[in-house]
Amino acid sequence: MLITVYGDRVRAARILRRMKSSDVAAKLGWPASKQTRLEYAERSYLHPAQLAEVSQLLEFPEKYFQQIPPAALAPEDLLFRAPVATPKKEKSYLAEFARSVGEVLEWLDDHHRLPPVKIPALPSNTPAAQAASEVRRSLGVGDSHPIPHLTHLAERAGVPVVMRGSTRSVALHDPDEADYEAVTEKHLGYSARVGQHGDRPVTVIRANHSWERVRWTVAHEIGHVTLHAQGINEQSEEQASLFASELLAPARFVQEELPSHVTLASLTELKLKWGISLGALITHLYSNRLIDSERFETLRRQLYTRTNSSTGRSWGRDEPGWDAREVEKPRLLVTWMERCLGFAAPNAVSQLSGLWPSDLIASMVSGQREKSLGGRERPTQKRRPASNVVELAAWRREA
């Protein structure tokens, strides 16, 4: 008896394991041409023993390969401009990861409807101030008020956020790739429209210890969701950046609070009030002609040359107020798992679905805001000085 499998599923699983097609073929003991045909045929037929071997090698349940795959999501569909040095395999991985997130969300949505998408989709040439004001209204925040928890409000407005962690199986298959994934990826986040009809925006960000960077990255990705529903172009990154700063700190209201002589000390107060980094705030003021080029250059030079005495690094790395807030963490994915299934433990979710391996689920929920058994959120520990932080690659070598 032959079993029907979908080639797109085989290819997706291989990419999520960061394996080469030729390596998979070699380990399965068949020609590379057969592996290529298997991955690019809409349907193929395998003997049960062959499917079991594919499942064991790629560490995905057999059921995964037998289900009709979700709508394709190509690297060029991602709403971000990858750095020039970003290899094709990384872009493919990011696309497949986002597609998997979308499939999990649709599965949960079948159990309990997700929040409707309220973030507007506007023309890409919409002025940043206008676009940010419309998004603030969709979030339920007035223009004159700071946004208290941007990630939470974005999710309530129908844009799930995933703080991606490294996958266990990457390290199992190729330790060098695990270090690459954790250390050398250059992007901070990206967005995509997922689901069978591409109508659910999703934002994926890398885990980061900087509350300033996380907030601004989420704001930047909301800019892509708002302005670039039809795709990105050469101006997209600048447009999303202008939008992000305006969303966090509307220029016309920040202007009212500026002293006659702008200093880093005075800007630190504004930073903590509005929840935007000094680096972004300085650029924001200059872009809106609230400071001249001379003051802009002076402030930037001071920011990147002064040393933070508590960390030993420049203010450009650890700004004043670097430890004043906790890093915002998403919560929608875990909340919906608990609401629909009664639990969010990756092993249990994996077993119940029968589709996704537990480590893939874990990489989706590892950065989510945790809750205790009683339902109360666990307090997040304060950031430690950089000198006490162990790099992931070094930790793996010592473990």
Protein backbone atom coordinates (compact mmCIF):
# COMPACT_ATOMS: atom_id res chain seq x y z
CA MET A 1 0.00 0.00 0.00
CA LEU A 2 1.32 3.43 -0.98
CA ILE A 3 0.73 6.58 1.07
CA THR A 4 0.07 10.01 -0.46
CA VAL A 5 2.44 12.73 0.71
CA TYR A 6 2.65 16.37 -0.31
CA GLY A 7 5.99 17.51 -1.70
CA ASP A 8 5.58 21.01 -0.29
CA ARG A 9 5.43 19.48 3.19
CA VAL A 10 8.65 17.55 2.66
CA ARG A 11 10.45 20.64 1.43
CA ALA A 12 9.10 22.78 4.30
CA ALA A 13 10.21 20.26 6.93
CA ARG A 14 13.68 20.05 5.40
CA ILE A 15 14.05 23.84 5.35
CA LEU A 16 12.85 24.14 8.95
CA ARG A 17 15.57 21.62 9.88
CA ARG A 18 18.11 23.68 7.88
CA MET A 19 19.14 20.62 5.89
CA LYS A 20 20.28 20.48 2.27
CA SER A 21 18.24 18.46 -0.19
CA SER A 22 21.30 16.46 -1.21
CA ASP A 23 22.07 15.59 2.41
CA VAL A 24 18.52 14.38 3.00
CA ALA A 25 18.70 12.21 -0.13
CA ALA A 26 22.04 10.74 0.95
CA LYS A 27 20.77 9.87 4.42
CA LEU A 28 17.62 8.32 2.98
CA GLY A 29 19.69 6.31 0.52
CA TRP A 30 18.11 7.49 -2.71
CA PRO A 31 19.28 9.73 -5.61
CA ALA A 32 19.22 13.50 -5.23
CA SER A 33 16.96 13.64 -8.28
CA LYS A 34 14.35 11.59 -6.44
CA GLN A 35 14.45 13.97 -3.50
CA THR A 36 13.98 16.92 -5.85
CA ARG A 37 11.00 15.26 -7.56
CA LEU A 38 9.55 14.40 -4.16
CA GLU A 39 9.76 17.99 -2.93
CA TYR A 40 8.41 19.68 -6.04
CA ALA A 41 5.66 17.26 -7.00
CA GLU A 42 2.25 18.28 -5.71
CA ARG A 43 1.67 14.70 -4.57
CA SER A 44 3.95 11.72 -4.35
CA TYR A 45 3.46 8.17 -3.18
CA LEU A 46 5.72 6.46 -0.66
CA HIS A 47 5.75 3.06 0.92
CA PRO A 48 4.96 3.17 4.66
CA ALA A 49 8.56 2.29 5.48
CA GLN A 50 9.84 5.17 3.30
CA LEU A 51 7.48 7.66 4.94
CA ALA A 52 8.63 6.44 8.34
CA GLU A 53 12.25 7.08 7.35
CA VAL A 54 11.43 10.60 6.11
CA SER A 55 9.52 11.31 9.30
CA GLN A 56 12.33 10.03 11.51
CA LEU A 57 15.04 11.93 9.66
CA LEU A 58 13.21 15.28 9.54
CA GLU A 59 11.63 14.77 12.98
CA PHE A 60 8.13 15.66 11.84
CA PRO A 61 5.11 13.41 12.46
CA GLU A 62 4.02 11.27 9.52
CA LYS A 63 0.64 13.00 9.59
CA TYR A 64 2.35 16.31 8.76
CA PHE A 65 3.38 15.06 5.31
CA GLN A 66 -0.09 13.71 4.53
CA GLN A 67 -2.04 16.92 5.18
CA ILE A 68 -2.77 19.46 2.45
CA PRO A 69 -0.20 22.24 3.00
CA PRO A 70 -1.20 25.83 3.80
CA ALA A 71 -0.87 28.59 1.23
CA ALA A 72 2.69 29.05 0.05
CA LEU A 73 4.79 31.85 1.53
CA ALA A 74 7.92 32.71 -0.43
CA PRO A 75 10.88 34.71 0.90
CA GLU A 76 9.86 37.63 -1.32
CA ASP A 77 6.48 37.70 0.45
CA LEU A 78 8.12 38.65 3.76
CA LEU A 79 7.61 42.27 4.77
CA PHE A 80 11.19 43.24 5.46
CA ARG A 81 14.30 44.03 3.49
CA ALA A 82 16.93 41.50 4.47
CA PRO A 83 20.54 42.69 4.74
CA VAL A 84 22.56 42.09 1.59
CA ALA A 85 24.61 39.39 3.35
CA THR A 86 21.51 37.37 4.28
CA PRO A 87 21.79 34.00 2.49
CA LYS A 88 18.91 32.50 0.55
CA LYS A 89 18.61 29.56 2.97
CA GLU A 90 17.95 31.93 5.88
CA LYS A 91 15.24 33.78 3.97
CA SER A 92 13.63 30.46 3.09
CA TYR A 93 13.77 29.40 6.72
CA LEU A 94 12.11 32.64 7.88
CA ALA A 95 9.34 32.21 5.33
CA GLU A 96 8.65 28.60 6.34
CA PHE A 97 8.70 29.50 10.02
CA ALA A 98 6.13 32.26 9.46
CA ARG A 99 3.98 29.89 7.41
CA SER A 100 4.08 27.34 10.23
CA VAL A 101 3.04 30.02 12.71
CA GLY A 102 0.15 30.88 10.41
CA GLU A 103 -0.95 27.26 10.25
CA VAL A 104 -0.88 26.94 14.03
CA LEU A 105 -2.92 30.13 14.32
CA GLU A 106 -5.52 28.84 11.86
CA TRP A 107 -5.74 25.60 13.84
CA LEU A 108 -6.36 27.58 17.01
CA ASP A 109 -8.80 29.87 15.23
CA ASP A 110 -10.89 26.83 14.33
CA HIS A 111 -11.25 26.18 18.07
CA HIS A 112 -11.77 29.77 19.19
CA ARG A 113 -11.85 32.83 16.98
CA LEU A 114 -8.73 34.98 17.11
CA PRO A 115 -9.07 38.77 17.55
CA PRO A 116 -10.14 40.41 14.28
CA VAL A 117 -7.53 42.45 12.44
CA LYS A 118 -8.05 46.13 13.28
CA ILE A 119 -4.73 47.51 12.04
CA PRO A 120 -5.56 49.46 8.86
CA ALA A 121 -3.89 48.78 5.51
CA LEU A 122 -2.95 52.13 3.97
CA PRO A 123 -1.21 53.22 0.76
CA SER A 124 2.57 53.13 1.12
CA ASN A 125 2.85 56.87 0.43
CA THR A 126 0.67 57.79 3.40
CA PRO A 127 2.56 60.36 5.54
CA ALA A 128 4.03 58.79 8.67
CA ALA A 129 2.13 61.11 11.04
CA GLN A 130 -1.22 60.29 9.41
CA ALA A 131 -0.55 56.55 9.29
CA ALA A 132 0.63 56.45 12.92
CA SER A 133 -2.41 58.41 14.07
CA GLU A 134 -4.78 55.98 12.34
CA VAL A 135 -2.99 52.99 13.85
CA ARG A 136 -3.09 54.58 17.30
CA ARG A 137 -6.85 54.90 16.95
CA SER A 138 -7.07 51.21 16.02
CA LEU A 139 -5.06 50.41 19.17
CA GLY A 140 -7.33 52.59 21.30
CA VAL A 141 -4.58 55.07 22.25
CA GLY A 142 -4.85 58.83 21.73
CA ASP A 143 -2.07 60.68 19.93
CA SER A 144 -1.13 62.65 23.05
CA HIS A 145 -0.57 59.56 25.22
CA PRO A 146 2.36 57.13 25.38
CA ILE A 147 1.60 53.55 24.34
CA PRO A 148 1.97 51.50 27.54
CA HIS A 149 2.51 47.98 26.11
CA LEU A 150 2.73 48.08 22.33
CA THR A 151 3.09 44.33 21.81
CA HIS A 152 -0.03 43.54 23.84
CA LEU A 153 -2.11 46.18 22.04
CA ALA A 154 -0.90 44.99 18.63
CA GLU A 155 -2.03 41.46 19.45
CA ARG A 156 -5.40 42.71 20.69
CA ALA A 157 -5.71 44.47 17.32
CA GLY A 158 -5.28 41.16 15.54
CA VAL A 159 -1.53 41.03 14.84
CA PRO A 160 0.01 38.05 16.70
CA VAL A 161 3.64 38.54 17.68
CA VAL A 162 6.08 35.65 18.00
CA MET A 163 9.41 36.11 19.75
CA ARG A 164 11.41 33.41 18.06
CA GLY A 165 13.83 31.19 19.93
CA SER A 166 16.39 28.77 18.49
CA THR A 167 15.18 25.29 17.61
CA ARG A 168 16.61 22.25 19.36
CA SER A 169 16.80 20.21 16.18
CA VAL A 170 19.04 22.69 14.41
CA ALA A 171 21.70 21.93 17.00
CA LEU A 172 21.12 18.19 16.66
CA HIS A 173 21.58 18.22 12.91
CA ASP A 174 24.33 20.80 12.61
CA PRO A 175 25.88 22.57 15.64
CA ASP A 176 27.53 25.11 13.35
CA GLU A 177 24.12 26.08 11.96
CA ALA A 178 22.77 26.46 15.50
CA ASP A 179 25.49 28.96 16.30
CA TYR A 180 24.82 30.70 13.00
CA GLU A 181 21.11 30.98 13.77
CA ALA A 182 21.66 32.36 17.25
CA VAL A 183 24.55 34.71 16.62
CA THR A 184 24.85 35.89 13.03
CA GLU A 185 21.30 36.57 11.89
CA LYS A 186 21.19 40.28 11.10
CA HIS A 187 17.46 40.98 11.02
CA LEU A 188 15.59 41.98 14.18
CA GLY A 189 12.15 41.11 12.94
CA TYR A 190 9.90 40.60 9.96
CA SER A 191 6.21 40.38 9.13
CA ALA A 192 4.09 38.36 6.75
CA ARG A 193 0.48 37.85 5.82
CA VAL A 194 -0.41 34.23 6.46
CA GLY A 195 -3.38 31.91 6.18
CA GLN A 196 -5.18 30.47 3.19
CA HIS A 197 -6.22 33.94 2.07
CA GLY A 198 -3.24 35.91 3.37
CA ASP A 199 -5.48 38.00 5.56
CA ARG A 200 -3.75 37.51 8.93
CA PRO A 201 -0.67 39.68 9.55
CA VAL A 202 1.93 38.07 11.81
CA THR A 203 5.07 39.64 13.23
CA VAL A 204 8.11 37.54 14.15
CA ILE A 205 10.92 39.12 16.15
CA ARG A 206 14.16 37.75 17.49
CA ALA A 207 14.52 37.42 21.24
CA ASN A 208 16.36 40.48 22.51
CA HIS A 209 17.35 41.73 25.96
CA SER A 210 16.76 45.41 25.04
CA TRP A 211 13.29 46.70 25.82
CA GLU A 212 13.96 49.71 23.58
CA ARG A 213 14.90 47.57 20.59
CA VAL A 214 11.96 45.21 21.03
CA ARG A 215 9.41 48.04 21.19
CA TRP A 216 10.86 49.81 18.19
CA THR A 217 11.08 46.57 16.19
CA VAL A 218 7.42 45.81 16.87
CA ALA A 219 6.50 49.39 15.88
CA HIS A 220 8.59 49.05 12.72
CA GLU A 221 6.85 45.81 11.76
CA ILE A 222 3.43 47.36 12.38
CA GLY A 223 4.58 49.97 9.90
CA HIS A 224 5.17 47.25 7.31
CA VAL A 225 1.77 45.70 8.07
CA THR A 226 0.08 49.08 7.71
CA LEU A 227 1.90 50.49 4.69
CA HIS A 228 3.14 47.51 2.71
CA ALA A 229 0.24 45.09 2.33
CA GLN A 230 1.00 45.03 -1.40
CA GLY A 231 4.70 44.29 -0.90
CA ILE A 232 7.89 46.18 -0.23
CA ASN A 233 10.07 48.44 -2.34
CA GLU A 234 13.28 50.43 -2.02
CA GLN A 235 11.62 52.99 0.26
CA SER A 236 9.86 50.50 2.53
CA GLU A 237 12.45 50.35 5.31
CA GLU A 238 12.70 54.13 5.60
CA GLN A 239 8.90 54.44 5.56
CA ALA A 240 8.52 51.81 8.30
CA SER A 241 11.23 53.46 10.39
CA LEU A 242 9.64 56.91 10.14
CA PHE A 243 6.31 55.33 11.04
CA ALA A 244 7.76 53.45 14.04
CA SER A 245 9.18 56.56 15.68
CA GLU A 246 6.01 58.55 14.99
CA LEU A 247 3.85 55.74 16.39
CA LEU A 248 5.84 55.60 19.63
CA ALA A 249 6.36 59.37 20.04
CA PRO A 250 4.18 61.64 17.87
CA ALA A 251 6.42 64.56 16.91
CA ARG A 252 3.90 67.32 17.49
CA PHE A 253 3.38 66.29 21.10
CA VAL A 254 7.03 65.59 21.79
CA GLN A 255 7.78 69.08 20.49
CA GLU A 256 5.69 70.59 23.28
CA GLU A 257 7.96 68.94 25.85
CA LEU A 258 11.32 69.84 24.33
CA PRO A 259 13.48 72.29 26.32
CA SER A 260 15.09 75.24 24.59
CA HIS A 261 18.44 73.46 24.73
CA VAL A 262 18.13 69.75 23.96
CA THR A 263 20.57 67.47 25.81
CA LEU A 264 20.83 63.73 26.33
CA ALA A 265 19.69 64.22 29.91
CA SER A 266 16.51 66.01 28.84
CA LEU A 267 15.86 63.46 26.10
CA THR A 268 16.23 60.60 28.58
CA GLU A 269 13.12 61.86 30.38
CA LEU A 270 11.22 61.86 27.09
CA LYS A 271 12.58 58.42 26.24
CA LEU A 272 11.26 56.91 29.45
CA LYS A 273 7.88 58.61 29.09
CA TRP A 274 7.24 57.63 25.47
CA GLY A 275 9.10 54.32 25.43
CA ILE A 276 11.47 55.01 22.54
CA SER A 277 15.24 54.68 22.43
CA LEU A 278 17.45 57.75 22.51
CA GLY A 279 18.99 56.79 19.18
CA ALA A 280 15.58 56.61 17.50
CA LEU A 281 14.36 59.73 19.29
CA ILE A 282 17.33 61.83 18.16
CA THR A 283 16.80 60.76 14.54
CA HIS A 284 13.04 61.37 14.91
CA LEU A 285 13.60 64.93 16.12
CA TYR A 286 15.99 65.65 13.26
CA SER A 287 13.67 64.14 10.63
CA ASN A 288 10.89 66.42 11.85
CA ARG A 289 13.18 69.48 11.97
CA LEU A 290 12.86 69.83 15.73
CA ILE A 291 16.65 69.94 16.07
CA ASP A 292 19.20 71.17 13.53
CA SER A 293 21.98 69.13 11.96
CA GLU A 294 24.62 70.44 14.36
CA ARG A 295 22.64 69.42 17.47
CA PHE A 296 21.80 66.10 15.79
CA GLU A 297 25.48 65.27 15.20
CA THR A 298 26.48 66.41 18.69
CA LEU A 299 23.86 64.26 20.39
CA ARG A 300 24.74 61.21 18.29
CA ARG A 301 28.44 61.63 18.98
CA GLN A 302 27.81 61.87 22.72
CA LEU A 303 25.49 58.87 22.65
CA TYR A 304 27.98 56.59 20.93
CA THR A 305 31.11 57.68 22.81
CA ARG A 306 29.99 57.96 26.42
CA THR A 307 30.31 54.86 28.57
CA ASN A 308 27.54 53.37 30.68
CA SER A 309 29.24 52.86 34.03
CA SER A 310 26.97 49.96 35.02
CA THR A 311 27.71 47.86 31.94
CA GLY A 312 31.03 49.14 30.65
CA ARG A 313 29.63 49.60 27.16
CA SER A 314 28.79 52.77 25.24
CA TRP A 315 25.47 54.49 25.69
CA GLY A 316 24.82 53.54 22.09
CA ARG A 317 24.70 49.91 23.26
CA ASP A 318 23.21 50.42 26.72
CA GLU A 319 21.48 53.78 26.84
CA PRO A 320 20.52 55.61 30.02
CA GLY A 321 17.32 53.90 31.16
CA TRP A 322 18.35 50.59 29.59
CA ASP A 323 17.07 48.75 32.69
CA ALA A 324 14.07 50.98 33.47
CA ARG A 325 11.51 48.70 31.82
CA GLU A 326 10.98 45.02 31.30
CA VAL A 327 11.18 43.66 27.78
CA GLU A 328 7.70 43.44 26.29
CA LYS A 329 6.74 39.87 25.59
CA PRO A 330 3.86 38.65 23.43
CA ARG A 331 1.13 36.56 24.97
CA LEU A 332 -1.53 35.81 22.35
CA LEU A 333 -0.23 32.43 21.16
CA VAL A 334 0.06 30.95 24.63
CA THR A 335 -3.21 32.54 25.75
CA TRP A 336 -5.07 31.02 22.81
CA MET A 337 -3.53 27.61 23.36
CA GLU A 338 -4.64 27.69 26.97
CA ARG A 339 -8.07 28.97 25.99
CA CYS A 340 -8.61 26.40 23.24
CA LEU A 341 -6.73 23.39 24.57
CA GLY A 342 -6.42 24.01 28.30
CA PHE A 343 -2.60 23.97 28.12
CA ALA A 344 0.34 25.41 26.17
CA ALA A 345 3.08 22.88 26.90
CA PRO A 346 4.81 22.22 23.54
CA ASN A 347 4.88 18.43 23.99
CA ALA A 348 1.17 18.33 24.75
CA VAL A 349 0.26 20.68 21.89
CA SER A 350 2.38 18.60 19.52
CA GLN A 351 0.73 15.34 20.56
CA LEU A 352 -2.79 16.76 20.36
CA SER A 353 -2.27 18.27 16.91
CA GLY A 354 -0.33 15.34 15.52
CA LEU A 355 1.15 17.77 12.99
CA TRP A 356 4.00 19.79 14.40
CA PRO A 357 7.04 18.60 16.37
CA SER A 358 7.30 19.84 19.93
CA ASP A 359 10.53 21.76 19.35
CA LEU A 360 8.90 23.80 16.56
CA ILE A 361 6.03 24.68 18.89
CA ALA A 362 8.58 25.50 21.60
CA SER A 363 10.40 27.92 19.30
CA MET A 364 7.10 29.74 18.75
CA VAL A 365 6.11 30.02 22.40
CA SER A 366 9.52 30.28 24.12
CA GLY A 367 9.41 34.07 24.08
CA GLN A 368 5.78 34.33 25.19
CA ARG A 369 4.84 35.86 28.50
CA GLU A 370 4.59 32.99 30.96
CA LYS A 371 1.82 32.31 33.43
CA SER A 372 1.83 30.29 36.59
CA LEU A 373 -0.61 27.45 37.17
CA GLY A 374 -2.90 29.87 38.92
CA GLY A 375 -3.06 32.07 35.84
CA ARG A 376 -1.00 34.96 37.17
CA GLU A 377 1.86 36.20 35.08
CA ARG A 378 5.30 35.37 36.37
CA PRO A 379 7.45 38.39 37.08
CA THR A 380 10.22 38.91 34.55
CA GLN A 381 13.68 39.21 36.00
CA LYS A 382 15.55 42.49 35.61
CA ARG A 383 18.24 42.60 32.97
CA ARG A 384 21.68 41.88 34.29
CA PRO A 385 24.73 43.86 33.29
CA ALA A 386 26.26 42.73 30.02
CA SER A 387 29.34 41.34 31.77
CA ASN A 388 27.16 38.65 33.39
CA VAL A 389 25.45 37.57 30.18
CA VAL A 390 26.69 34.31 28.68
CA GLU A 391 26.61 34.13 24.89
CA LEU A 392 24.49 31.23 23.62
CA ALA A 393 27.30 29.75 21.53
CA ALA A 394 29.66 29.78 24.52
CA TRP A 395 26.99 28.23 26.73
CA ARG A 396 26.57 25.37 24.29
CA ARG A 397 30.32 24.70 24.24
CA GLU A 398 30.44 24.58 28.04
CA ALA A 399 27.30 22.50 28.49
